[in-house]
Amino acid sequence: MEKEDYKFNNFKVTNLKISVKLLQSTSLKFVEDRCKLLQPIHKNITWRRCGNNYMTLRYKEFTYTLFKKSVKKDRLQHCNITRIRSKEDIPDAIGHLFVLVNQPPVWLDYTIDNISCSANANQEIDIVGIYMNELKTACVYDPLVFPALRIYCPKRLIEKSKKICSLVYRSGSIILVGGRCLQEIKNFFLWVLKITRKYPRLTRKYPRL
C-alpha cells in the first residue's frame, strides 16, 4: 500500500507533550497555596507535590509538571504539559498555566517532546508471526509482560525524532509513541502497516513463548 493510497481515516493524534520555560519563576509552595485558593471555584484543579523538586497539576483537562527553579540563575523554570489533543490546543494549554502560577499571560516558546498517536490496521494481526519471521525488524514480544508486539522505527525513517515505537495488538490496534515530528510518525505507521498486512491473524496457534 502506497502512502497516497492511505487516507489516515483511522489515524489520530491522542496526546502531545510539550516543554515550556517560565520567564518569571515561582515557588512550588506558592503554586500549591494558589491551587488551594482556587479549588473552591475551579473544582477541576487537582495537584500533588512530589518532594521538593516538582509537582503535578491537572487543570482544564491538561496535565502540568512544574519543576523547582534551578539554582543556576541563567536557567528558566521548566514545565511539561501533556494531554494536549492537537497543536490548536497548545495556546490554551499554555494560557491556563498562567492561571495556576498567577502571572500575566505572555506567549512562551515551546518544544514538542513527544507525540502519541493511535491507528488501526483494519484487520486482526498475527503478531507472533511477525515476531518469529520478520528477523530484520527490531521488535520485542513477551506476552507474559505485555500483550502487544513492540516494533521500533528504523533509523532511516527518523531525522527529528530520537526513537519512535509502535505497539501492535492482535485486534489490529496500533499505538505509536516517542515521535517529535508527525510526518515521521505517519511514515513509520505506513511502514508498520505494510508488515502487518502480510500477517492477518488466522486460526493457527503458535506455541507459547
C-alpha atoms as a PDB file:
ATOM      1  CA  MET A   1       0.000   0.000   0.000  1.00  0.00           C
ATOM      2  CA  GLU A   2       1.496   3.294  -1.074  1.00  0.00           C
ATOM      3  CA  LYS A   3       1.437   6.399   1.065  1.00  0.00           C
ATOM      4  CA  GLU A   4      -1.022   8.261  -1.156  1.00  0.00           C
ATOM      5  CA  ASP A   5      -3.473   5.330  -1.060  1.00  0.00           C
ATOM      6  CA  TYR A   6      -3.917   5.505   2.708  1.00  0.00           C
ATOM      7  CA  LYS A   7      -6.196   8.324   3.840  1.00  0.00           C
ATOM      8  CA  PHE A   8      -5.318   8.091   7.559  1.00  0.00           C
ATOM      9  CA  ASN A   9      -9.020   7.891   8.384  1.00  0.00           C
ATOM     10  CA  ASN A  10      -8.232   5.771  11.454  1.00  0.00           C
ATOM     11  CA  PHE A  11      -5.030   7.605  12.396  1.00  0.00           C
ATOM     12  CA  LYS A  12      -5.268  10.322  15.019  1.00  0.00           C
ATOM     13  CA  VAL A  13      -3.127  12.228  17.481  1.00  0.00           C
ATOM     14  CA  THR A  14      -4.081  11.287  21.036  1.00  0.00           C
ATOM     15  CA  ASN A  15      -1.557  13.286  23.055  1.00  0.00           C
ATOM     16  CA  LEU A  16       1.087  15.972  22.668  1.00  0.00           C
ATOM     17  CA  LYS A  17       3.726  16.575  25.322  1.00  0.00           C
ATOM     18  CA  ILE A  18       5.409  19.976  25.209  1.00  0.00           C
ATOM     19  CA  SER A  19       8.039  21.789  27.265  1.00  0.00           C
ATOM     20  CA  VAL A  20       7.940  25.485  28.164  1.00  0.00           C
ATOM     21  CA  LYS A  21      10.098  27.822  30.250  1.00  0.00           C
ATOM     22  CA  LEU A  22       8.506  30.345  32.592  1.00  0.00           C
ATOM     23  CA  LEU A  23      10.024  33.785  32.125  1.00  0.00           C
ATOM     24  CA  GLN A  24       9.190  34.586  35.756  1.00  0.00           C
ATOM     25  CA  SER A  25       9.991  31.870  38.268  1.00  0.00           C
ATOM     26  CA  THR A  26       7.722  30.840  41.112  1.00  0.00           C
ATOM     27  CA  SER A  27       7.960  28.511  44.096  1.00  0.00           C
ATOM     28  CA  LEU A  28       6.141  25.198  44.291  1.00  0.00           C
ATOM     29  CA  LYS A  29       4.763  26.230  47.676  1.00  0.00           C
ATOM     30  CA  PHE A  30       3.245  29.353  46.141  1.00  0.00           C
ATOM     31  CA  VAL A  31       1.562  27.330  43.377  1.00  0.00           C
ATOM     32  CA  GLU A  32       0.252  24.805  45.901  1.00  0.00           C
ATOM     33  CA  ASP A  33      -1.258  27.596  48.020  1.00  0.00           C
ATOM     34  CA  ARG A  34      -2.655  29.167  44.856  1.00  0.00           C
ATOM     35  CA  CYS A  35      -4.407  25.895  43.944  1.00  0.00           C
ATOM     36  CA  LYS A  36      -5.918  25.638  47.429  1.00  0.00           C
ATOM     37  CA  LEU A  37      -7.268  29.146  46.978  1.00  0.00           C
ATOM     38  CA  LEU A  38      -8.723  28.427  43.529  1.00  0.00           C
ATOM     39  CA  GLN A  39     -10.150  24.971  44.191  1.00  0.00           C
ATOM     40  CA  PRO A  40     -13.475  26.120  45.738  1.00  0.00           C
ATOM     41  CA  ILE A  41     -14.194  27.992  42.494  1.00  0.00           C
ATOM     42  CA  HIS A  42     -12.330  25.840  39.966  1.00  0.00           C
ATOM     43  CA  LYS A  43     -13.212  22.374  41.226  1.00  0.00           C
ATOM     44  CA  ASN A  44     -11.388  20.648  38.386  1.00  0.00           C
ATOM     45  CA  ILE A  45      -7.995  21.674  39.794  1.00  0.00           C
ATOM     46  CA  THR A  46      -6.021  18.838  41.369  1.00  0.00           C
ATOM     47  CA  TRP A  47      -2.366  18.763  42.344  1.00  0.00           C
ATOM     48  CA  ARG A  48       0.266  16.657  44.049  1.00  0.00           C
ATOM     49  CA  ARG A  49       3.644  17.667  45.429  1.00  0.00           C
ATOM     50  CA  CYS A  50       6.435  15.236  44.597  1.00  0.00           C
ATOM     51  CA  GLY A  51       9.009  16.079  47.226  1.00  0.00           C
ATOM     52  CA  ASN A  52      10.766  19.407  46.852  1.00  0.00           C
ATOM     53  CA  ASN A  53      11.706  19.074  43.191  1.00  0.00           C
ATOM     54  CA  TYR A  54       8.457  19.125  41.219  1.00  0.00           C
ATOM     55  CA  MET A  55       4.668  18.949  41.372  1.00  0.00           C
ATOM     56  CA  THR A  56       1.946  17.725  39.032  1.00  0.00           C
ATOM     57  CA  LEU A  57      -1.295  19.581  38.378  1.00  0.00           C
ATOM     58  CA  ARG A  58      -4.487  18.833  36.454  1.00  0.00           C
ATOM     59  CA  TYR A  59      -6.477  21.792  35.172  1.00  0.00           C
ATOM     60  CA  LYS A  60      -8.871  22.233  32.239  1.00  0.00           C
ATOM     61  CA  GLU A  61      -8.121  18.647  31.088  1.00  0.00           C
ATOM     62  CA  PHE A  62      -4.406  19.382  30.765  1.00  0.00           C
ATOM     63  CA  THR A  63      -1.665  17.927  32.979  1.00  0.00           C
ATOM     64  CA  TYR A  64       1.241  20.097  34.102  1.00  0.00           C
ATOM     65  CA  THR A  65       4.533  19.027  35.647  1.00  0.00           C
ATOM     66  CA  LEU A  66       6.171  22.080  37.182  1.00  0.00           C
ATOM     67  CA  PHE A  67       9.772  21.735  38.287  1.00  0.00           C
ATOM     68  CA  LYS A  68      11.560  23.647  41.020  1.00  0.00           C
ATOM     69  CA  LYS A  69      13.561  26.608  39.774  1.00  0.00           C
ATOM     70  CA  SER A  70      17.187  25.706  39.138  1.00  0.00           C
ATOM     71  CA  VAL A  71      19.773  27.291  41.401  1.00  0.00           C
ATOM     72  CA  LYS A  72      21.596  28.409  38.266  1.00  0.00           C
ATOM     73  CA  LYS A  73      20.489  31.961  37.521  1.00  0.00           C
ATOM     74  CA  ASP A  74      20.688  31.575  33.759  1.00  0.00           C
ATOM     75  CA  ARG A  75      18.183  28.686  33.694  1.00  0.00           C
ATOM     76  CA  LEU A  76      14.475  29.421  33.414  1.00  0.00           C
ATOM     77  CA  GLN A  77      11.904  27.377  35.304  1.00  0.00           C
ATOM     78  CA  HIS A  78      10.818  24.293  33.375  1.00  0.00           C
ATOM     79  CA  CYS A  79       7.280  22.943  32.915  1.00  0.00           C
ATOM     80  CA  ASN A  80       5.966  19.983  30.904  1.00  0.00           C
ATOM     81  CA  ILE A  81       2.393  19.985  29.608  1.00  0.00           C
ATOM     82  CA  THR A  82       0.597  16.822  28.461  1.00  0.00           C
ATOM     83  CA  ARG A  83      -2.904  15.666  27.488  1.00  0.00           C
ATOM     84  CA  ILE A  84      -2.895  18.105  24.584  1.00  0.00           C
ATOM     85  CA  ARG A  85      -5.050  16.714  21.783  1.00  0.00           C
ATOM     86  CA  SER A  86      -3.787  18.834  18.884  1.00  0.00           C
ATOM     87  CA  LYS A  87      -1.483  21.732  18.049  1.00  0.00           C
ATOM     88  CA  GLU A  88      -4.516  24.008  18.032  1.00  0.00           C
ATOM     89  CA  ASP A  89      -4.919  23.340  21.781  1.00  0.00           C
ATOM     90  CA  ILE A  90      -1.365  24.409  22.671  1.00  0.00           C
ATOM     91  CA  PRO A  91      -2.200  28.141  23.180  1.00  0.00           C
ATOM     92  CA  ASP A  92      -4.982  27.197  25.626  1.00  0.00           C
ATOM     93  CA  ALA A  93      -2.695  24.802  27.490  1.00  0.00           C
ATOM     94  CA  ILE A  94      -0.039  27.496  27.903  1.00  0.00           C
ATOM     95  CA  GLY A  95      -2.627  30.127  28.809  1.00  0.00           C
ATOM     96  CA  HIS A  96      -4.075  28.017  31.626  1.00  0.00           C
ATOM     97  CA  LEU A  97      -0.582  27.605  33.075  1.00  0.00           C
ATOM     98  CA  PHE A  98      -0.527  31.323  33.907  1.00  0.00           C
ATOM     99  CA  VAL A  99      -3.747  30.912  35.881  1.00  0.00           C
ATOM    100  CA  LEU A 100      -2.040  28.291  38.027  1.00  0.00           C
ATOM    101  CA  VAL A 101       1.100  30.359  38.666  1.00  0.00           C
ATOM    102  CA  ASN A 102      -0.821  33.663  38.968  1.00  0.00           C
ATOM    103  CA  GLN A 103       1.158  35.524  36.323  1.00  0.00           C
ATOM    104  CA  PRO A 104       0.018  37.749  33.447  1.00  0.00           C
ATOM    105  CA  PRO A 105      -0.230  35.671  30.260  1.00  0.00           C
ATOM    106  CA  VAL A 106       2.504  36.011  27.664  1.00  0.00           C
ATOM    107  CA  TRP A 107       3.375  33.817  24.731  1.00  0.00           C
ATOM    108  CA  LEU A 108       6.027  31.233  25.548  1.00  0.00           C
ATOM    109  CA  ASP A 109       8.119  29.366  23.052  1.00  0.00           C
ATOM    110  CA  TYR A 110       7.602  25.624  23.327  1.00  0.00           C
ATOM    111  CA  THR A 111       9.179  22.418  22.093  1.00  0.00           C
ATOM    112  CA  ILE A 112       7.281  19.252  21.253  1.00  0.00           C
ATOM    113  CA  ASP A 113       8.865  16.396  23.202  1.00  0.00           C
ATOM    114  CA  ASN A 114       6.531  13.572  22.265  1.00  0.00           C
ATOM    115  CA  ILE A 115       3.548  12.882  20.026  1.00  0.00           C
ATOM    116  CA  SER A 116       1.344   9.862  20.722  1.00  0.00           C
ATOM    117  CA  CYS A 117      -0.994   8.556  18.035  1.00  0.00           C
ATOM    118  CA  SER A 118      -3.478   5.732  17.606  1.00  0.00           C
ATOM    119  CA  ALA A 119      -4.310   3.881  14.413  1.00  0.00           C
ATOM    120  CA  ASN A 120      -5.756   0.614  13.177  1.00  0.00           C
ATOM    121  CA  ALA A 121      -4.683  -1.927  10.569  1.00  0.00           C
ATOM    122  CA  ASN A 122      -8.333  -2.807   9.860  1.00  0.00           C
ATOM    123  CA  GLN A 123      -7.604  -6.484  10.399  1.00  0.00           C
ATOM    124  CA  GLU A 124      -6.629  -8.807  13.205  1.00  0.00           C
ATOM    125  CA  ILE A 125      -2.865  -9.332  13.242  1.00  0.00           C
ATOM    126  CA  ASP A 126      -0.713 -12.406  13.790  1.00  0.00           C
ATOM    127  CA  ILE A 127       1.812 -10.622  15.996  1.00  0.00           C
ATOM    128  CA  VAL A 128       3.601 -13.886  16.858  1.00  0.00           C
ATOM    129  CA  GLY A 129       4.112 -14.500  13.151  1.00  0.00           C
ATOM    130  CA  ILE A 130       5.687 -11.075  12.746  1.00  0.00           C
ATOM    131  CA  TYR A 131       7.980 -11.653  15.716  1.00  0.00           C
ATOM    132  CA  MET A 132       9.109 -15.078  14.501  1.00  0.00           C
ATOM    133  CA  ASN A 133       9.552 -14.279  10.806  1.00  0.00           C
ATOM    134  CA  GLU A 134      10.499 -10.601  10.442  1.00  0.00           C
ATOM    135  CA  LEU A 135      14.014 -11.153  11.734  1.00  0.00           C
ATOM    136  CA  LYS A 136      15.390  -7.913  10.285  1.00  0.00           C
ATOM    137  CA  THR A 137      12.753  -5.870  12.106  1.00  0.00           C
ATOM    138  CA  ALA A 138      13.664  -4.556  15.562  1.00  0.00           C
ATOM    139  CA  CYS A 139      10.832  -5.821  17.730  1.00  0.00           C
ATOM    140  CA  VAL A 140      10.139  -7.187  21.206  1.00  0.00           C
ATOM    141  CA  TYR A 141       7.383  -9.575  22.253  1.00  0.00           C
ATOM    142  CA  ASP A 142       6.879 -11.002  25.727  1.00  0.00           C
ATOM    143  CA  PRO A 143       3.198 -11.852  26.313  1.00  0.00           C
ATOM    144  CA  LEU A 144       3.832 -12.524  29.992  1.00  0.00           C
ATOM    145  CA  VAL A 145       4.854  -8.894  30.441  1.00  0.00           C
ATOM    146  CA  PHE A 146       2.816  -7.008  27.830  1.00  0.00           C
ATOM    147  CA  PRO A 147       0.210  -8.205  25.306  1.00  0.00           C
ATOM    148  CA  ALA A 148       1.410  -6.098  22.360  1.00  0.00           C
ATOM    149  CA  LEU A 149       4.299  -6.510  19.940  1.00  0.00           C
ATOM    150  CA  ARG A 150       6.718  -3.586  20.125  1.00  0.00           C
ATOM    151  CA  ILE A 151       8.181  -2.584  16.780  1.00  0.00           C
ATOM    152  CA  TYR A 152      10.877   0.087  16.675  1.00  0.00           C
ATOM    153  CA  CYS A 153      11.302   2.572  13.862  1.00  0.00           C
ATOM    154  CA  PRO A 154      14.286   2.116  11.528  1.00  0.00           C
ATOM    155  CA  LYS A 155      16.807   4.924  11.804  1.00  0.00           C
ATOM    156  CA  ARG A 156      16.472   5.695   8.102  1.00  0.00           C
ATOM    157  CA  LEU A 157      12.923   6.959   8.724  1.00  0.00           C
ATOM    158  CA  ILE A 158      13.934   9.288  11.570  1.00  0.00           C
ATOM    159  CA  GLU A 159      15.535  12.709  11.359  1.00  0.00           C
ATOM    160  CA  LYS A 160      13.907  14.847  14.052  1.00  0.00           C
ATOM    161  CA  SER A 161      12.769  12.163  16.495  1.00  0.00           C
ATOM    162  CA  LYS A 162      15.089  10.221  18.782  1.00  0.00           C
ATOM    163  CA  LYS A 163      13.119   6.987  18.769  1.00  0.00           C
ATOM    164  CA  ILE A 164       9.615   6.009  17.643  1.00  0.00           C
ATOM    165  CA  CYS A 165       7.976   2.810  18.810  1.00  0.00           C
ATOM    166  CA  SER A 166       4.713   1.132  17.817  1.00  0.00           C
ATOM    167  CA  LEU A 167       2.632  -1.155  19.998  1.00  0.00           C
ATOM    168  CA  VAL A 168       0.842  -3.604  17.732  1.00  0.00           C
ATOM    169  CA  TYR A 169      -2.112  -5.564  19.179  1.00  0.00           C
ATOM    170  CA  ARG A 170      -3.754  -8.707  17.858  1.00  0.00           C
ATOM    171  CA  SER A 171      -7.006  -6.766  17.410  1.00  0.00           C
ATOM    172  CA  GLY A 172      -5.351  -4.544  14.797  1.00  0.00           C
ATOM    173  CA  SER A 173      -4.968  -1.535  17.077  1.00  0.00           C
ATOM    174  CA  ILE A 174      -1.648   0.255  16.771  1.00  0.00           C
ATOM    175  CA  ILE A 175      -0.271   2.822  19.225  1.00  0.00           C
ATOM    176  CA  LEU A 176       2.667   4.995  18.150  1.00  0.00           C
ATOM    177  CA  VAL A 177       4.769   6.841  20.727  1.00  0.00           C
ATOM    178  CA  GLY A 178       8.077   8.655  21.019  1.00  0.00           C
ATOM    179  CA  GLY A 179       7.994  10.822  17.922  1.00  0.00           C
ATOM    180  CA  ARG A 180       8.523  14.559  17.679  1.00  0.00           C
ATOM    181  CA  CYS A 181       7.551  15.007  14.036  1.00  0.00           C
ATOM    182  CA  LEU A 182       4.066  13.993  12.891  1.00  0.00           C
ATOM    183  CA  GLN A 183       5.198  13.266   9.347  1.00  0.00           C
ATOM    184  CA  GLU A 184       7.877  10.880  10.625  1.00  0.00           C
ATOM    185  CA  ILE A 185       5.237   9.090  12.714  1.00  0.00           C
ATOM    186  CA  LYS A 186       2.962   8.775   9.683  1.00  0.00           C
ATOM    187  CA  ASN A 187       5.807   7.413   7.560  1.00  0.00           C
ATOM    188  CA  PHE A 188       6.628   4.882  10.279  1.00  0.00           C
ATOM    189  CA  PHE A 189       2.966   3.887  10.585  1.00  0.00           C
ATOM    190  CA  LEU A 190       2.789   3.185   6.844  1.00  0.00           C
ATOM    191  CA  TRP A 191       5.964   1.095   7.160  1.00  0.00           C
ATOM    192  CA  VAL A 192       4.432  -0.903  10.040  1.00  0.00           C
ATOM    193  CA  LEU A 193       1.188  -1.234   8.097  1.00  0.00           C
ATOM    194  CA  LYS A 194       2.983  -2.914   5.185  1.00  0.00           C
ATOM    195  CA  ILE A 195       4.377  -5.513   7.597  1.00  0.00           C
ATOM    196  CA  THR A 196       1.092  -6.193   9.394  1.00  0.00           C
ATOM    197  CA  ARG A 197      -0.810  -6.627   6.115  1.00  0.00           C
ATOM    198  CA  LYS A 198       1.356  -9.686   5.431  1.00  0.00           C
ATOM    199  CA  TYR A 199       0.254 -11.321   8.688  1.00  0.00           C
ATOM    200  CA  PRO A 200      -3.538 -11.485   9.043  1.00  0.00           C
ATOM    201  CA  ARG A 201      -4.453 -13.410  12.145  1.00  0.00           C
ATOM    202  CA  LEU A 202      -5.512 -16.987  11.337  1.00  0.00           C
ATOM    203  CA  THR A 203      -6.743 -19.880  13.487  1.00  0.00           C
ATOM    204  CA  ARG A 204      -3.261 -21.411  13.538  1.00  0.00           C
ATOM    205  CA  LYS A 205      -1.768 -21.317  17.007  1.00  0.00           C
ATOM    206  CA  TYR A 206       1.889 -20.937  17.824  1.00  0.00           C
ATOM    207  CA  PRO A 207       3.486 -22.454  20.947  1.00  0.00           C
ATOM    208  CA  ARG A 208       3.741 -20.185  23.932  1.00  0.00           C
ATOM    209  CA  LEU A 209       6.999 -18.210  24.103  1.00  0.00           C
END
